[in-house]
Amino acid sequence: AAACQNSSVNWVVKLHPDLVWKLKYEGFTGELRDSFAIRSKI
């Protein structure tokens, strides 16, 4: 949210690569909680 207010720089939000195997281990295939939280609140 703070990054959205600062266009003086590029912003990259990199979700953690471990999610690839952690979610596979859990058998989860839905929307990532990270992106859902960003989308729903921002």
PDB file of all heavy atoms in Angstrom:
ATOM      1  N   ALA A   1       0.831  -1.206   0.000  1.00  0.00           N
ATOM      2  CA  ALA A   1       0.000   0.000   0.000  1.00  0.00           C
ATOM      3  C   ALA A   1       0.865   1.255   0.000  1.00  0.00           C
ATOM      4  O   ALA A   1       0.577   2.235  -0.723  1.00  0.00           O
ATOM      5  CB  ALA A   1      -0.926  -0.008   1.214  1.00  0.00           C
ATOM      6  N   ALA A   2       1.944   1.239   0.781  1.00  0.00           N
ATOM      7  CA  ALA A   2       2.853   2.386   0.804  1.00  0.00           C
ATOM      8  C   ALA A   2       3.589   2.518  -0.520  1.00  0.00           C
ATOM      9  O   ALA A   2       3.832   3.629  -1.011  1.00  0.00           O
ATOM     10  CB  ALA A   2       3.847   2.239   1.959  1.00  0.00           C
ATOM     11  N   ALA A   3       3.940   1.383  -1.127  1.00  0.00           N
ATOM     12  CA  ALA A   3       4.624   1.404  -2.419  1.00  0.00           C
ATOM     13  C   ALA A   3       3.738   2.017  -3.499  1.00  0.00           C
ATOM     14  O   ALA A   3       4.215   2.708  -4.399  1.00  0.00           O
ATOM     15  CB  ALA A   3       5.036  -0.013  -2.811  1.00  0.00           C
ATOM     16  N   CYS A   4       2.448   1.759  -3.401  1.00  0.00           N
ATOM     17  CA  CYS A   4       1.519   2.312  -4.387  1.00  0.00           C
ATOM     18  C   CYS A   4       1.523   3.839  -4.373  1.00  0.00           C
ATOM     19  O   CYS A   4       1.206   4.478  -5.382  1.00  0.00           O
ATOM     20  CB  CYS A   4       0.101   1.793  -4.123  1.00  0.00           C
ATOM     21  SG  CYS A   4      -0.118   0.031  -4.474  1.00  0.00           S
ATOM     22  N   GLN A   5       1.900   4.423  -3.242  1.00  0.00           N
ATOM     23  CA  GLN A   5       1.920   5.870  -3.108  1.00  0.00           C
ATOM     24  C   GLN A   5       3.242   6.490  -3.556  1.00  0.00           C
ATOM     25  O   GLN A   5       3.375   7.713  -3.581  1.00  0.00           O
ATOM     26  CB  GLN A   5       1.655   6.258  -1.654  1.00  0.00           C
ATOM     27  CG  GLN A   5       0.332   5.765  -1.102  1.00  0.00           C
ATOM     28  CD  GLN A   5       0.172   6.105   0.366  1.00  0.00           C
ATOM     29  OE1 GLN A   5       0.512   7.208   0.811  1.00  0.00           O
ATOM     30  NE2 GLN A   5      -0.340   5.163   1.147  1.00  0.00           N
ATOM     31  N   ASN A   6       4.213   5.656  -3.879  1.00  0.00           N
ATOM     32  CA  ASN A   6       5.543   6.156  -4.250  1.00  0.00           C
ATOM     33  C   ASN A   6       5.895   5.697  -5.659  1.00  0.00           C
ATOM     34  O   ASN A   6       6.388   4.587  -5.861  1.00  0.00           O
ATOM     35  CB  ASN A   6       6.592   5.660  -3.247  1.00  0.00           C
ATOM     36  CG  ASN A   6       7.991   6.185  -3.549  1.00  0.00           C
ATOM     37  OD1 ASN A   6       8.201   6.897  -4.521  1.00  0.00           O
ATOM     38  ND2 ASN A   6       8.947   5.827  -2.717  1.00  0.00           N
ATOM     39  N   SER A   7       5.652   6.558  -6.625  1.00  0.00           N
ATOM     40  CA  SER A   7       5.946   6.218  -8.017  1.00  0.00           C
ATOM     41  C   SER A   7       7.313   6.725  -8.457  1.00  0.00           C
ATOM     42  O   SER A   7       7.632   6.696  -9.647  1.00  0.00           O
ATOM     43  CB  SER A   7       4.856   6.800  -8.931  1.00  0.00           C
ATOM     44  OG  SER A   7       4.789   8.222  -8.800  1.00  0.00           O
ATOM     45  N   SER A   8       8.129   7.175  -7.492  1.00  0.00           N
ATOM     46  CA  SER A   8       9.475   7.662  -7.832  1.00  0.00           C
ATOM     47  C   SER A   8      10.412   6.523  -8.202  1.00  0.00           C
ATOM     48  O   SER A   8      11.457   6.752  -8.821  1.00  0.00           O
ATOM     49  CB  SER A   8      10.057   8.451  -6.658  1.00  0.00           C
ATOM     50  OG  SER A   8       9.286   9.603  -6.388  1.00  0.00           O
ATOM     51  N   VAL A   9      10.051   5.295  -7.806  1.00  0.00           N
ATOM     52  CA  VAL A   9      10.865   4.123  -8.130  1.00  0.00           C
ATOM     53  C   VAL A   9       9.956   3.032  -8.685  1.00  0.00           C
ATOM     54  O   VAL A   9       8.733   3.074  -8.522  1.00  0.00           O
ATOM     55  CB  VAL A   9      11.621   3.585  -6.891  1.00  0.00           C
ATOM     56  CG1 VAL A   9      12.545   4.639  -6.324  1.00  0.00           C
ATOM     57  CG2 VAL A   9      10.640   3.100  -5.830  1.00  0.00           C
ATOM     58  N   ASN A  10      10.563   2.058  -9.359  1.00  0.00           N
ATOM     59  CA  ASN A  10       9.839   0.835  -9.711  1.00  0.00           C
ATOM     60  C   ASN A  10       9.672   0.002  -8.443  1.00  0.00           C
ATOM     61  O   ASN A  10      10.579  -0.053  -7.605  1.00  0.00           O
ATOM     62  CB  ASN A  10      10.625  -0.002 -10.726  1.00  0.00           C
ATOM     63  CG  ASN A  10      10.881   0.720 -12.028  1.00  0.00           C
ATOM     64  OD1 ASN A  10       9.962   1.198 -12.668  1.00  0.00           O
ATOM     65  ND2 ASN A  10      12.152   0.790 -12.425  1.00  0.00           N
ATOM     66  N   TRP A  11       8.542  -0.673  -8.335  1.00  0.00           N
ATOM     67  CA  TRP A  11       8.321  -1.589  -7.217  1.00  0.00           C
ATOM     68  C   TRP A  11       8.041  -2.994  -7.751  1.00  0.00           C
ATOM     69  O   TRP A  11       7.220  -3.160  -8.649  1.00  0.00           O
ATOM     70  CB  TRP A  11       7.141  -1.138  -6.359  1.00  0.00           C
ATOM     71  CG  TRP A  11       7.456   0.062  -5.519  1.00  0.00           C
ATOM     72  CD1 TRP A  11       7.271   1.370  -5.861  1.00  0.00           C
ATOM     73  CD2 TRP A  11       8.027   0.062  -4.206  1.00  0.00           C
ATOM     74  NE1 TRP A  11       7.685   2.196  -4.842  1.00  0.00           N
ATOM     75  CE2 TRP A  11       8.152   1.416  -3.811  1.00  0.00           C
ATOM     76  CE3 TRP A  11       8.427  -0.950  -3.326  1.00  0.00           C
ATOM     77  CZ2 TRP A  11       8.669   1.780  -2.568  1.00  0.00           C
ATOM     78  CZ3 TRP A  11       8.948  -0.585  -2.099  1.00  0.00           C
ATOM     79  CH2 TRP A  11       9.069   0.759  -1.722  1.00  0.00           C
ATOM     80  N   VAL A  12       8.739  -3.969  -7.191  1.00  0.00           N
ATOM     81  CA  VAL A  12       8.503  -5.364  -7.527  1.00  0.00           C
ATOM     82  C   VAL A  12       8.162  -6.099  -6.241  1.00  0.00           C
ATOM     83  O   VAL A  12       8.916  -6.030  -5.258  1.00  0.00           O
ATOM     84  CB  VAL A  12       9.737  -6.017  -8.192  1.00  0.00           C
ATOM     85  CG1 VAL A  12       9.489  -7.502  -8.427  1.00  0.00           C
ATOM     86  CG2 VAL A  12      10.082  -5.315  -9.497  1.00  0.00           C
ATOM     87  N   VAL A  13       7.033  -6.767  -6.221  1.00  0.00           N
ATOM     88  CA  VAL A  13       6.628  -7.581  -5.066  1.00  0.00           C
ATOM     89  C   VAL A  13       6.832  -9.035  -5.463  1.00  0.00           C
ATOM     90  O   VAL A  13       6.076  -9.593  -6.252  1.00  0.00           O
ATOM     91  CB  VAL A  13       5.157  -7.324  -4.687  1.00  0.00           C
ATOM     92  CG1 VAL A  13       4.788  -8.145  -3.461  1.00  0.00           C
ATOM     93  CG2 VAL A  13       4.920  -5.838  -4.451  1.00  0.00           C
ATOM     94  N   LYS A  14       7.886  -9.632  -4.934  1.00  0.00           N
ATOM     95  CA  LYS A  14       8.259 -10.995  -5.318  1.00  0.00           C
ATOM     96  C   LYS A  14       7.770 -11.983  -4.260  1.00  0.00           C
ATOM     97  O   LYS A  14       8.277 -11.990  -3.135  1.00  0.00           O
ATOM     98  CB  LYS A  14       9.771 -11.105  -5.491  1.00  0.00           C
ATOM     99  CG  LYS A  14      10.224 -12.436  -6.063  1.00  0.00           C
ATOM    100  CD  LYS A  14      11.727 -12.477  -6.253  1.00  0.00           C
ATOM    101  CE  LYS A  14      12.157 -13.781  -6.919  1.00  0.00           C
ATOM    102  NZ  LYS A  14      11.715 -14.976  -6.176  1.00  0.00           N
ATOM    103  N   LEU A  15       6.796 -12.790  -4.642  1.00  0.00           N
ATOM    104  CA  LEU A  15       6.290 -13.790  -3.707  1.00  0.00           C
ATOM    105  C   LEU A  15       7.309 -14.913  -3.541  1.00  0.00           C
ATOM    106  O   LEU A  15       8.058 -15.237  -4.466  1.00  0.00           O
ATOM    107  CB  LEU A  15       4.947 -14.335  -4.195  1.00  0.00           C
ATOM    108  CG  LEU A  15       3.844 -13.279  -4.389  1.00  0.00           C
ATOM    109  CD1 LEU A  15       2.511 -13.948  -4.680  1.00  0.00           C
ATOM    110  CD2 LEU A  15       3.728 -12.361  -3.174  1.00  0.00           C
ATOM    111  N   HIS A  16       7.322 -15.518  -2.380  1.00  0.00           N
ATOM    112  CA  HIS A  16       8.400 -16.440  -2.006  1.00  0.00           C
ATOM    113  C   HIS A  16       8.407 -17.689  -2.895  1.00  0.00           C
ATOM    114  O   HIS A  16       7.375 -18.354  -3.053  1.00  0.00           O
ATOM    115  CB  HIS A  16       8.241 -16.861  -0.543  1.00  0.00           C
ATOM    116  CG  HIS A  16       9.521 -17.301   0.084  1.00  0.00           C
ATOM    117  ND1 HIS A  16      10.168 -18.458  -0.298  1.00  0.00           N
ATOM    118  CD2 HIS A  16      10.281 -16.751   1.059  1.00  0.00           C
ATOM    119  CE1 HIS A  16      11.265 -18.604   0.423  1.00  0.00           C
ATOM    120  NE2 HIS A  16      11.362 -17.579   1.253  1.00  0.00           N
ATOM    121  N   PRO A  17       9.577 -18.046  -3.452  1.00  0.00           N
ATOM    122  CA  PRO A  17       9.653 -19.227  -4.331  1.00  0.00           C
ATOM    123  C   PRO A  17       9.369 -20.538  -3.622  1.00  0.00           C
ATOM    124  O   PRO A  17       8.977 -21.525  -4.264  1.00  0.00           O
ATOM    125  CB  PRO A  17      11.090 -19.177  -4.862  1.00  0.00           C
ATOM    126  CG  PRO A  17      11.854 -18.371  -3.856  1.00  0.00           C
ATOM    127  CD  PRO A  17      10.879 -17.347  -3.349  1.00  0.00           C
ATOM    128  N   ASP A  18       9.552 -20.579  -2.292  1.00  0.00           N
ATOM    129  CA  ASP A  18       9.263 -21.822  -1.566  1.00  0.00           C
ATOM    130  C   ASP A  18       7.795 -22.215  -1.644  1.00  0.00           C
ATOM    131  O   ASP A  18       7.443 -23.375  -1.373  1.00  0.00           O
ATOM    132  CB  ASP A  18       9.658 -21.673  -0.087  1.00  0.00           C
ATOM    133  CG  ASP A  18      11.138 -21.946   0.142  1.00  0.00           C
ATOM    134  OD1 ASP A  18      11.850 -22.141  -0.856  1.00  0.00           O
ATOM    135  OD2 ASP A  18      11.571 -21.945   1.309  1.00  0.00           O
ATOM    136  N   LEU A  19       6.947 -21.268  -2.008  1.00  0.00           N
ATOM    137  CA  LEU A  19       5.528 -21.594  -2.129  1.00  0.00           C
ATOM    138  C   LEU A  19       5.285 -22.686  -3.166  1.00  0.00           C
ATOM    139  O   LEU A  19       4.303 -23.421  -3.086  1.00  0.00           O
ATOM    140  CB  LEU A  19       4.730 -20.339  -2.488  1.00  0.00           C
ATOM    141  CG  LEU A  19       4.537 -19.322  -1.348  1.00  0.00           C
ATOM    142  CD1 LEU A  19       3.987 -18.010  -1.882  1.00  0.00           C
ATOM    143  CD2 LEU A  19       3.633 -19.896  -0.270  1.00  0.00           C
ATOM    144  N   VAL A  20       6.199 -22.796  -4.148  1.00  0.00           N
ATOM    145  CA  VAL A  20       6.044 -23.813  -5.187  1.00  0.00           C
ATOM    146  C   VAL A  20       5.963 -25.196  -4.570  1.00  0.00           C
ATOM    147  O   VAL A  20       5.042 -25.974  -4.848  1.00  0.00           O
ATOM    148  CB  VAL A  20       7.198 -23.741  -6.208  1.00  0.00           C
ATOM    149  CG1 VAL A  20       7.130 -24.917  -7.167  1.00  0.00           C
ATOM    150  CG2 VAL A  20       7.147 -22.422  -6.977  1.00  0.00           C
ATOM    151  N   TRP A  21       6.933 -25.528  -3.695  1.00  0.00           N
ATOM    152  CA  TRP A  21       6.940 -26.871  -3.125  1.00  0.00           C
ATOM    153  C   TRP A  21       6.107 -26.976  -1.849  1.00  0.00           C
ATOM    154  O   TRP A  21       5.542 -28.023  -1.556  1.00  0.00           O
ATOM    155  CB  TRP A  21       8.375 -27.351  -2.877  1.00  0.00           C
ATOM    156  CG  TRP A  21       9.140 -26.649  -1.808  1.00  0.00           C
ATOM    157  CD1 TRP A  21       9.937 -25.564  -1.938  1.00  0.00           C
ATOM    158  CD2 TRP A  21       9.195 -27.014  -0.412  1.00  0.00           C
ATOM    159  NE1 TRP A  21      10.482 -25.207  -0.725  1.00  0.00           N
ATOM    160  CE2 TRP A  21      10.049 -26.081   0.224  1.00  0.00           C
ATOM    161  CE3 TRP A  21       8.617 -28.023   0.343  1.00  0.00           C
ATOM    162  CZ2 TRP A  21      10.331 -26.132   1.583  1.00  0.00           C
ATOM    163  CZ3 TRP A  21       8.894 -28.071   1.705  1.00  0.00           C
ATOM    164  CH2 TRP A  21       9.738 -27.133   2.312  1.00  0.00           C
ATOM    165  N   LYS A  22       5.981 -25.875  -1.094  1.00  0.00           N
ATOM    166  CA  LYS A  22       5.169 -25.933   0.117  1.00  0.00           C
ATOM    167  C   LYS A  22       3.698 -26.192  -0.211  1.00  0.00           C
ATOM    168  O   LYS A  22       3.027 -27.000   0.434  1.00  0.00           O
ATOM    169  CB  LYS A  22       5.318 -24.638   0.919  1.00  0.00           C
ATOM    170  CG  LYS A  22       6.636 -24.516   1.676  1.00  0.00           C
ATOM    171  CD  LYS A  22       6.698 -23.225   2.452  1.00  0.00           C
ATOM    172  CE  LYS A  22       8.023 -23.084   3.207  1.00  0.00           C
ATOM    173  NZ  LYS A  22       8.112 -23.989   4.362  1.00  0.00           N
ATOM    174  N   LEU A  23       3.188 -25.500  -1.242  1.00  0.00           N
ATOM    175  CA  LEU A  23       1.789 -25.698  -1.616  1.00  0.00           C
ATOM    176  C   LEU A  23       1.581 -27.042  -2.299  1.00  0.00           C
ATOM    177  O   LEU A  23       0.531 -27.665  -2.158  1.00  0.00           O
ATOM    178  CB  LEU A  23       1.327 -24.555  -2.525  1.00  0.00           C
ATOM    179  CG  LEU A  23       1.281 -23.181  -1.848  1.00  0.00           C
ATOM    180  CD1 LEU A  23       0.830 -22.114  -2.828  1.00  0.00           C
ATOM    181  CD2 LEU A  23       0.361 -23.200  -0.634  1.00  0.00           C
ATOM    182  N   LYS A  24       2.602 -27.487  -3.025  1.00  0.00           N
ATOM    183  CA  LYS A  24       2.508 -28.813  -3.641  1.00  0.00           C
ATOM    184  C   LYS A  24       2.452 -29.883  -2.556  1.00  0.00           C
ATOM    185  O   LYS A  24       1.700 -30.862  -2.658  1.00  0.00           O
ATOM    186  CB  LYS A  24       3.707 -29.052  -4.568  1.00  0.00           C
ATOM    187  CG  LYS A  24       3.597 -30.344  -5.377  1.00  0.00           C
ATOM    188  CD  LYS A  24       4.751 -30.468  -6.353  1.00  0.00           C
ATOM    189  CE  LYS A  24       4.615 -31.721  -7.200  1.00  0.00           C
ATOM    190  NZ  LYS A  24       3.422 -31.693  -8.064  1.00  0.00           N
ATOM    191  N   TYR A  25       3.230 -29.689  -1.514  1.00  0.00           N
ATOM    192  CA  TYR A  25       3.225 -30.631  -0.393  1.00  0.00           C
ATOM    193  C   TYR A  25       1.851 -30.673   0.268  1.00  0.00           C
ATOM    194  O   TYR A  25       1.384 -31.724   0.700  1.00  0.00           O
ATOM    195  CB  TYR A  25       4.287 -30.215   0.622  1.00  0.00           C
ATOM    196  CG  TYR A  25       4.492 -31.200   1.740  1.00  0.00           C
ATOM    197  CD1 TYR A  25       5.328 -32.294   1.582  1.00  0.00           C
ATOM    198  CD2 TYR A  25       3.849 -31.033   2.963  1.00  0.00           C
ATOM    199  CE1 TYR A  25       5.517 -33.214   2.605  1.00  0.00           C
ATOM    200  CE2 TYR A  25       4.028 -31.934   3.991  1.00  0.00           C
ATOM    201  CZ  TYR A  25       4.864 -33.028   3.809  1.00  0.00           C
ATOM    202  OH  TYR A  25       5.047 -33.927   4.831  1.00  0.00           O
ATOM    203  N   GLU A  26       1.194 -29.494   0.355  1.00  0.00           N
ATOM    204  CA  GLU A  26      -0.127 -29.421   0.975  1.00  0.00           C
ATOM    205  C   GLU A  26      -1.240 -29.820   0.015  1.00  0.00           C
ATOM    206  O   GLU A  26      -2.392 -29.973   0.429  1.00  0.00           O
ATOM    207  CB  GLU A  26      -0.386 -27.997   1.476  1.00  0.00           C
ATOM    208  CG  GLU A  26       0.567 -27.534   2.568  1.00  0.00           C
ATOM    209  CD  GLU A  26       0.365 -28.271   3.869  1.00  0.00           C
ATOM    210  OE1 GLU A  26      -0.757 -28.757   4.096  1.00  0.00           O
ATOM    211  OE2 GLU A  26       1.329 -28.383   4.649  1.00  0.00           O
ATOM    212  N   GLY A  27      -0.921 -29.945  -1.272  1.00  0.00           N
ATOM    213  CA  GLY A  27      -1.938 -30.277  -2.258  1.00  0.00           C
ATOM    214  C   GLY A  27      -2.882 -29.122  -2.549  1.00  0.00           C
ATOM    215  O   GLY A  27      -4.030 -29.323  -2.969  1.00  0.00           O
ATOM    216  N   PHE A  28      -2.386 -27.879  -2.355  1.00  0.00           N
ATOM    217  CA  PHE A  28      -3.224 -26.690  -2.546  1.00  0.00           C
ATOM    218  C   PHE A  28      -3.060 -26.153  -3.960  1.00  0.00           C
ATOM    219  O   PHE A  28      -1.947 -26.000  -4.449  1.00  0.00           O
ATOM    220  CB  PHE A  28      -2.828 -25.619  -1.532  1.00  0.00           C
ATOM    221  CG  PHE A  28      -3.657 -24.357  -1.622  1.00  0.00           C
ATOM    222  CD1 PHE A  28      -4.903 -24.298  -1.029  1.00  0.00           C
ATOM    223  CD2 PHE A  28      -3.174 -23.248  -2.292  1.00  0.00           C
ATOM    224  CE1 PHE A  28      -5.667 -23.141  -1.114  1.00  0.00           C
ATOM    225  CE2 PHE A  28      -3.926 -22.092  -2.384  1.00  0.00           C
ATOM    226  CZ  PHE A  28      -5.184 -22.038  -1.788  1.00  0.00           C
ATOM    227  N   THR A  29      -4.169 -25.828  -4.612  1.00  0.00           N
ATOM    228  CA  THR A  29      -4.117 -25.345  -5.994  1.00  0.00           C
ATOM    229  C   THR A  29      -4.906 -24.049  -6.194  1.00  0.00           C
ATOM    230  O   THR A  29      -5.046 -23.581  -7.316  1.00  0.00           O
ATOM    231  CB  THR A  29      -4.656 -26.412  -6.967  1.00  0.00           C
ATOM    232  OG1 THR A  29      -5.993 -26.764  -6.584  1.00  0.00           O
ATOM    233  CG2 THR A  29      -3.775 -27.652  -6.955  1.00  0.00           C
ATOM    234  N   GLY A  30      -5.446 -23.455  -5.142  1.00  0.00           N
ATOM    235  CA  GLY A  30      -6.250 -22.246  -5.278  1.00  0.00           C
ATOM    236  C   GLY A  30      -5.397 -20.991  -5.371  1.00  0.00           C
ATOM    237  O   GLY A  30      -4.178 -21.046  -5.549  1.00  0.00           O
ATOM    238  N   GLU A  31      -6.047 -19.837  -5.238  1.00  0.00           N
ATOM    239  CA  GLU A  31      -5.337 -18.560  -5.300  1.00  0.00           C
ATOM    240  C   GLU A  31      -4.433 -18.418  -4.085  1.00  0.00           C
ATOM    241  O   GLU A  31      -4.811 -18.775  -2.953  1.00  0.00           O
ATOM    242  CB  GLU A  31      -6.333 -17.396  -5.331  1.00  0.00           C
ATOM    243  CG  GLU A  31      -5.663 -16.034  -5.421  1.00  0.00           C
ATOM    244  CD  GLU A  31      -6.651 -14.876  -5.451  1.00  0.00           C
ATOM    245  OE1 GLU A  31      -7.859 -15.131  -5.243  1.00  0.00           O
ATOM    246  OE2 GLU A  31      -6.215 -13.730  -5.675  1.00  0.00           O
ATOM    247  N   LEU A  32      -3.239 -17.894  -4.303  1.00  0.00           N
ATOM    248  CA  LEU A  32      -2.308 -17.696  -3.204  1.00  0.00           C
ATOM    249  C   LEU A  32      -2.888 -16.717  -2.197  1.00  0.00           C
ATOM    250  O   LEU A  32      -3.480 -15.697  -2.566  1.00  0.00           O
ATOM    251  CB  LEU A  32      -0.972 -17.163  -3.730  1.00  0.00           C
ATOM    252  CG  LEU A  32      -0.138 -18.110  -4.584  1.00  0.00           C
ATOM    253  CD1 LEU A  32       1.109 -17.402  -5.082  1.00  0.00           C
ATOM    254  CD2 LEU A  32       0.239 -19.350  -3.792  1.00  0.00           C
ATOM    255  N   ARG A  33      -2.661 -17.014  -0.933  1.00  0.00           N
ATOM    256  CA  ARG A  33      -3.146 -16.125   0.119  1.00  0.00           C
ATOM    257  C   ARG A  33      -2.526 -14.737  -0.027  1.00  0.00           C
ATOM    258  O   ARG A  33      -3.170 -13.720   0.246  1.00  0.00           O
ATOM    259  CB  ARG A  33      -2.797 -16.736   1.474  1.00  0.00           C
ATOM    260  CG  ARG A  33      -3.155 -15.878   2.672  1.00  0.00           C
ATOM    261  CD  ARG A  33      -2.853 -16.612   3.960  1.00  0.00           C
ATOM    262  NE  ARG A  33      -2.812 -15.730   5.100  1.00  0.00           N
ATOM    263  CZ  ARG A  33      -2.502 -16.120   6.326  1.00  0.00           C
ATOM    264  NH1 ARG A  33      -2.205 -17.386   6.539  1.00  0.00           N
ATOM    265  NH2 ARG A  33      -2.493 -15.263   7.323  1.00  0.00           N
ATOM    266  N   ASP A  34      -1.268 -14.690  -0.473  1.00  0.00           N
ATOM    267  CA  ASP A  34      -0.557 -13.419  -0.639  1.00  0.00           C
ATOM    268  C   ASP A  34      -1.275 -12.516  -1.635  1.00  0.00           C
ATOM    269  O   ASP A  34      -1.572 -11.354  -1.344  1.00  0.00           O
ATOM    270  CB  ASP A  34       0.877 -13.667  -1.120  1.00  0.00           C
ATOM    271  CG  ASP A  34       1.564 -14.795  -0.380  1.00  0.00           C
ATOM    272  OD1 ASP A  34       1.033 -15.929  -0.417  1.00  0.00           O
ATOM    273  OD2 ASP A  34       2.630 -14.566   0.198  1.00  0.00           O
ATOM    274  N   SER A  35      -1.508 -13.049  -2.841  1.00  0.00           N
ATOM    275  CA  SER A  35      -2.143 -12.249  -3.882  1.00  0.00           C
ATOM    276  C   SER A  35      -3.591 -11.926  -3.522  1.00  0.00           C
ATOM    277  O   SER A  35      -4.105 -10.850  -3.845  1.00  0.00           O
ATOM    278  CB  SER A  35      -2.075 -12.967  -5.229  1.00  0.00           C
ATOM    279  OG  SER A  35      -2.662 -14.252  -5.161  1.00  0.00           O
ATOM    280  N   PHE A  36      -4.278 -12.851  -2.819  1.00  0.00           N
ATOM    281  CA  PHE A  36      -5.651 -12.589  -2.392  1.00  0.00           C
ATOM    282  C   PHE A  36      -5.693 -11.422  -1.402  1.00  0.00           C
ATOM    283  O   PHE A  36      -6.561 -10.546  -1.485  1.00  0.00           O
ATOM    284  CB  PHE A  36      -6.259 -13.833  -1.757  1.00  0.00           C
ATOM    285  CG  PHE A  36      -7.611 -13.604  -1.164  1.00  0.00           C
ATOM    286  CD1 PHE A  36      -8.743 -13.555  -1.972  1.00  0.00           C
ATOM    287  CD2 PHE A  36      -7.763 -13.424   0.202  1.00  0.00           C
ATOM    288  CE1 PHE A  36      -9.997 -13.334  -1.424  1.00  0.00           C
ATOM    289  CE2 PHE A  36      -9.007 -13.195   0.766  1.00  0.00           C
ATOM    290  CZ  PHE A  36     -10.136 -13.152  -0.062  1.00  0.00           C
ATOM    291  N   ALA A  37      -4.744 -11.416  -0.461  1.00  0.00           N
ATOM    292  CA  ALA A  37      -4.704 -10.345   0.538  1.00  0.00           C
ATOM    293  C   ALA A  37      -4.453  -8.998  -0.124  1.00  0.00           C
ATOM    294  O   ALA A  37      -5.098  -7.987   0.211  1.00  0.00           O
ATOM    295  CB  ALA A  37      -3.621 -10.637   1.572  1.00  0.00           C
ATOM    296  N   ILE A  38      -3.518  -8.972  -1.079  1.00  0.00           N
ATOM    297  CA  ILE A  38      -3.217  -7.721  -1.783  1.00  0.00           C
ATOM    298  C   ILE A  38      -4.425  -7.264  -2.592  1.00  0.00           C
ATOM    299  O   ILE A  38      -4.805  -6.084  -2.578  1.00  0.00           O
ATOM    300  CB  ILE A  38      -1.982  -7.907  -2.688  1.00  0.00           C
ATOM    301  CG1 ILE A  38      -0.725  -8.134  -1.829  1.00  0.00           C
ATOM    302  CG2 ILE A  38      -1.790  -6.697  -3.597  1.00  0.00           C
ATOM    303  CD1 ILE A  38       0.505  -8.527  -2.615  1.00  0.00           C
ATOM    304  N   ARG A  39      -5.042  -8.190  -3.309  1.00  0.00           N
ATOM    305  CA  ARG A  39      -6.176  -7.838  -4.169  1.00  0.00           C
ATOM    306  C   ARG A  39      -7.374  -7.367  -3.347  1.00  0.00           C
ATOM    307  O   ARG A  39      -8.030  -6.387  -3.705  1.00  0.00           O
ATOM    308  CB  ARG A  39      -6.563  -9.048  -5.019  1.00  0.00           C
ATOM    309  CG  ARG A  39      -7.766  -8.817  -5.928  1.00  0.00           C
ATOM    310  CD  ARG A  39      -7.985 -10.002  -6.848  1.00  0.00           C
ATOM    311  NE  ARG A  39      -8.166 -11.253  -6.127  1.00  0.00           N
ATOM    312  CZ  ARG A  39      -9.314 -11.630  -5.569  1.00  0.00           C
ATOM    313  NH1 ARG A  39     -10.378 -10.841  -5.626  1.00  0.00           N
ATOM    314  NH2 ARG A  39      -9.407 -12.790  -4.948  1.00  0.00           N
ATOM    315  N   SER A  40      -7.642  -8.037  -2.231  1.00  0.00           N
ATOM    316  CA  SER A  40      -8.830  -7.711  -1.457  1.00  0.00           C
ATOM    317  C   SER A  40      -8.677  -6.422  -0.659  1.00  0.00           C
ATOM    318  O   SER A  40      -9.669  -5.724  -0.408  1.00  0.00           O
ATOM    319  CB  SER A  40      -9.176  -8.865  -0.512  1.00  0.00           C
ATOM    320  OG  SER A  40      -8.121  -9.105   0.397  1.00  0.00           O
ATOM    321  N   LYS A  41      -7.463  -6.085  -0.272  1.00  0.00           N
ATOM    322  CA  LYS A  41      -7.264  -4.911   0.573  1.00  0.00           C
ATOM    323  C   LYS A  41      -6.738  -3.689  -0.189  1.00  0.00           C
ATOM    324  O   LYS A  41      -6.831  -2.569   0.310  1.00  0.00           O
ATOM    325  CB  LYS A  41      -6.317  -5.262   1.727  1.00  0.00           C
ATOM    326  CG  LYS A  41      -6.904  -6.316   2.653  1.00  0.00           C
ATOM    327  CD  LYS A  41      -5.978  -6.647   3.808  1.00  0.00           C
ATOM    328  CE  LYS A  41      -6.585  -7.731   4.703  1.00  0.00           C
ATOM    329  NZ  LYS A  41      -5.705  -8.073   5.846  1.00  0.00           N
ATOM    330  N   ILE A  42      -6.159  -3.912  -1.365  1.00  0.00           N
ATOM    331  CA  ILE A  42      -5.614  -2.799  -2.142  1.00  0.00           C
ATOM    332  C   ILE A  42      -6.327  -2.648  -3.475  1.00  0.00           C
ATOM    333  O   ILE A  42      -6.582  -1.544  -3.949  1.00  0.00           O
ATOM    334  CB  ILE A  42      -4.092  -2.981  -2.365  1.00  0.00           C
ATOM    335  CG1 ILE A  42      -3.363  -2.982  -1.014  1.00  0.00           C
ATOM    336  CG2 ILE A  42      -3.542  -1.886  -3.274  1.00  0.00           C
ATOM    337  CD1 ILE A  42      -1.887  -3.256  -1.114  1.00  0.00           C
TER     338      ILE A  42
END
